[in-house]
Amino acid sequence: MKKEITHLDVRSVALMYGAILASIGLVIAVFILIFGSLFISMMDADTTMFMGGGVVAAIFIPFLYGMVGLIIGAIVSALYNFIASQVGGVKVTIRD
């Protein structure tokens, strides 16, 4: 049975995409903390100055990714709704 997706709930798409990107940002933040401390310890510079930046980045990156995902998700779903009303939505096949 073929069905057509003609409308997406903007809020739910934005929240889902924001949560997905925040999760990706959290993984990136973990890598920044692990590898940042590893590479900073190899440098001859004052490490305490750089370690604070890594912790701030680890907190800021998931938040930033989540907010960007929320905004992009809202824009894309609203754009989809507009275009789907003009030319038709995506057709999917669903089995019962």
C-alpha atoms as a PDB file:
ATOM      1  CA  MET A   1       0.000   0.000   0.000  1.00  0.00           C
ATOM      2  CA  LYS A   2       1.457   3.345  -1.045  1.00  0.00           C
ATOM      3  CA  LYS A   3       0.968   6.369   1.141  1.00  0.00           C
ATOM      4  CA  GLU A   4       2.129   9.955   0.769  1.00  0.00           C
ATOM      5  CA  ILE A   5       3.732  12.108   3.469  1.00  0.00           C
ATOM      6  CA  THR A   6       2.211  15.531   2.905  1.00  0.00           C
ATOM      7  CA  HIS A   7       2.903  17.204   6.250  1.00  0.00           C
ATOM      8  CA  LEU A   8       5.578  17.018   8.961  1.00  0.00           C
ATOM      9  CA  ASP A   9       5.092  18.384  12.459  1.00  0.00           C
ATOM     10  CA  VAL A  10       7.720  21.130  12.600  1.00  0.00           C
ATOM     11  CA  ARG A  11       8.183  20.927  16.371  1.00  0.00           C
ATOM     12  CA  SER A  12       8.699  17.171  16.500  1.00  0.00           C
ATOM     13  CA  VAL A  13      11.148  17.153  13.578  1.00  0.00           C
ATOM     14  CA  ALA A  14      13.096  20.048  15.097  1.00  0.00           C
ATOM     15  CA  LEU A  15      13.288  18.353  18.516  1.00  0.00           C
ATOM     16  CA  MET A  16      14.356  15.026  17.025  1.00  0.00           C
ATOM     17  CA  TYR A  17      17.036  16.571  14.817  1.00  0.00           C
ATOM     18  CA  GLY A  18      18.269  18.738  17.692  1.00  0.00           C
ATOM     19  CA  ALA A  19      18.553  15.672  19.935  1.00  0.00           C
ATOM     20  CA  ILE A  20      20.434  13.733  17.253  1.00  0.00           C
ATOM     21  CA  LEU A  21      22.934  16.530  16.689  1.00  0.00           C
ATOM     22  CA  ALA A  22      23.363  17.095  20.432  1.00  0.00           C
ATOM     23  CA  SER A  23      24.233  13.391  20.765  1.00  0.00           C
ATOM     24  CA  ILE A  24      26.789  13.704  17.982  1.00  0.00           C
ATOM     25  CA  GLY A  25      28.185  16.798  19.698  1.00  0.00           C
ATOM     26  CA  LEU A  26      28.522  14.839  22.935  1.00  0.00           C
ATOM     27  CA  VAL A  27      30.601  12.177  21.171  1.00  0.00           C
ATOM     28  CA  ILE A  28      32.787  14.881  19.628  1.00  0.00           C
ATOM     29  CA  ALA A  29      33.187  16.524  23.054  1.00  0.00           C
ATOM     30  CA  VAL A  30      34.420  13.237  24.548  1.00  0.00           C
ATOM     31  CA  PHE A  31      37.032  12.955  21.808  1.00  0.00           C
ATOM     32  CA  ILE A  32      38.092  16.562  22.397  1.00  0.00           C
ATOM     33  CA  LEU A  33      38.588  15.868  26.089  1.00  0.00           C
ATOM     34  CA  ILE A  34      40.501  12.625  25.526  1.00  0.00           C
ATOM     35  CA  PHE A  35      42.727  13.655  22.655  1.00  0.00           C
ATOM     36  CA  GLY A  36      43.024  17.289  23.680  1.00  0.00           C
ATOM     37  CA  SER A  37      44.548  16.388  27.023  1.00  0.00           C
ATOM     38  CA  LEU A  38      46.813  13.857  25.309  1.00  0.00           C
ATOM     39  CA  PHE A  39      48.198  16.334  22.784  1.00  0.00           C
ATOM     40  CA  ILE A  40      48.427  19.239  25.204  1.00  0.00           C
ATOM     41  CA  SER A  41      50.578  17.190  27.541  1.00  0.00           C
ATOM     42  CA  MET A  42      53.068  16.727  24.671  1.00  0.00           C
ATOM     43  CA  MET A  43      53.381  20.479  24.110  1.00  0.00           C
ATOM     44  CA  ASP A  44      55.906  22.668  25.888  1.00  0.00           C
ATOM     45  CA  ALA A  45      53.344  25.426  26.506  1.00  0.00           C
ATOM     46  CA  ASP A  46      51.529  26.122  29.727  1.00  0.00           C
ATOM     47  CA  THR A  47      48.974  23.277  29.782  1.00  0.00           C
ATOM     48  CA  THR A  48      46.647  24.789  32.354  1.00  0.00           C
ATOM     49  CA  MET A  49      45.746  27.563  29.945  1.00  0.00           C
ATOM     50  CA  PHE A  50      44.666  25.060  27.271  1.00  0.00           C
ATOM     51  CA  MET A  51      42.873  22.555  29.531  1.00  0.00           C
ATOM     52  CA  GLY A  52      40.208  25.088  30.486  1.00  0.00           C
ATOM     53  CA  GLY A  53      39.393  25.605  26.829  1.00  0.00           C
ATOM     54  CA  GLY A  54      38.897  21.873  26.328  1.00  0.00           C
ATOM     55  CA  VAL A  55      36.441  21.644  29.212  1.00  0.00           C
ATOM     56  CA  VAL A  56      34.525  24.678  27.976  1.00  0.00           C
ATOM     57  CA  ALA A  57      34.425  23.187  24.470  1.00  0.00           C
ATOM     58  CA  ALA A  58      33.184  19.864  25.851  1.00  0.00           C
ATOM     59  CA  ILE A  59      30.263  21.658  27.491  1.00  0.00           C
ATOM     60  CA  PHE A  60      29.597  24.125  24.671  1.00  0.00           C
ATOM     61  CA  ILE A  61      29.789  21.800  21.640  1.00  0.00           C
ATOM     62  CA  PRO A  62      26.805  19.524  22.486  1.00  0.00           C
ATOM     63  CA  PHE A  63      24.721  22.587  23.366  1.00  0.00           C
ATOM     64  CA  LEU A  64      25.698  24.359  20.145  1.00  0.00           C
ATOM     65  CA  TYR A  65      25.075  21.280  17.994  1.00  0.00           C
ATOM     66  CA  GLY A  66      21.679  20.779  19.641  1.00  0.00           C
ATOM     67  CA  MET A  67      20.616  24.376  19.040  1.00  0.00           C
ATOM     68  CA  VAL A  68      21.797  24.308  15.422  1.00  0.00           C
ATOM     69  CA  GLY A  69      19.954  21.004  14.924  1.00  0.00           C
ATOM     70  CA  LEU A  70      16.797  22.482  16.392  1.00  0.00           C
ATOM     71  CA  ILE A  71      16.915  25.467  14.036  1.00  0.00           C
ATOM     72  CA  ILE A  72      17.878  23.448  10.941  1.00  0.00           C
ATOM     73  CA  GLY A  73      15.220  20.814  11.710  1.00  0.00           C
ATOM     74  CA  ALA A  74      12.527  23.488  11.971  1.00  0.00           C
ATOM     75  CA  ILE A  75      13.603  25.183   8.736  1.00  0.00           C
ATOM     76  CA  VAL A  76      13.845  21.939   6.752  1.00  0.00           C
ATOM     77  CA  SER A  77      10.492  20.579   7.960  1.00  0.00           C
ATOM     78  CA  ALA A  78       8.741  23.894   7.247  1.00  0.00           C
ATOM     79  CA  LEU A  79      10.326  23.941   3.790  1.00  0.00           C
ATOM     80  CA  TYR A  80       9.214  20.341   3.214  1.00  0.00           C
ATOM     81  CA  ASN A  81       5.650  21.229   4.202  1.00  0.00           C
ATOM     82  CA  PHE A  82       5.611  24.130   1.751  1.00  0.00           C
ATOM     83  CA  ILE A  83       7.074  22.143  -1.137  1.00  0.00           C
ATOM     84  CA  ALA A  84       4.893  19.086  -0.415  1.00  0.00           C
ATOM     85  CA  SER A  85       1.792  21.272  -0.613  1.00  0.00           C
ATOM     86  CA  GLN A  86       2.888  22.483  -4.050  1.00  0.00           C
ATOM     87  CA  VAL A  87       4.182  19.332  -5.748  1.00  0.00           C
ATOM     88  CA  GLY A  88       3.116  16.486  -3.484  1.00  0.00           C
ATOM     89  CA  GLY A  89       4.874  14.661  -0.704  1.00  0.00           C
ATOM     90  CA  VAL A  90       7.220  11.719  -0.545  1.00  0.00           C
ATOM     91  CA  LYS A  91       5.547   8.441  -1.394  1.00  0.00           C
ATOM     92  CA  VAL A  92       6.276   5.472   0.855  1.00  0.00           C
ATOM     93  CA  THR A  93       5.170   1.855   0.667  1.00  0.00           C
ATOM     94  CA  ILE A  94       3.728   0.437   3.880  1.00  0.00           C
ATOM     95  CA  ARG A  95       2.838  -3.186   4.518  1.00  0.00           C
ATOM     96  CA  ASP A  96       0.146  -4.197   6.995  1.00  0.00           C
END
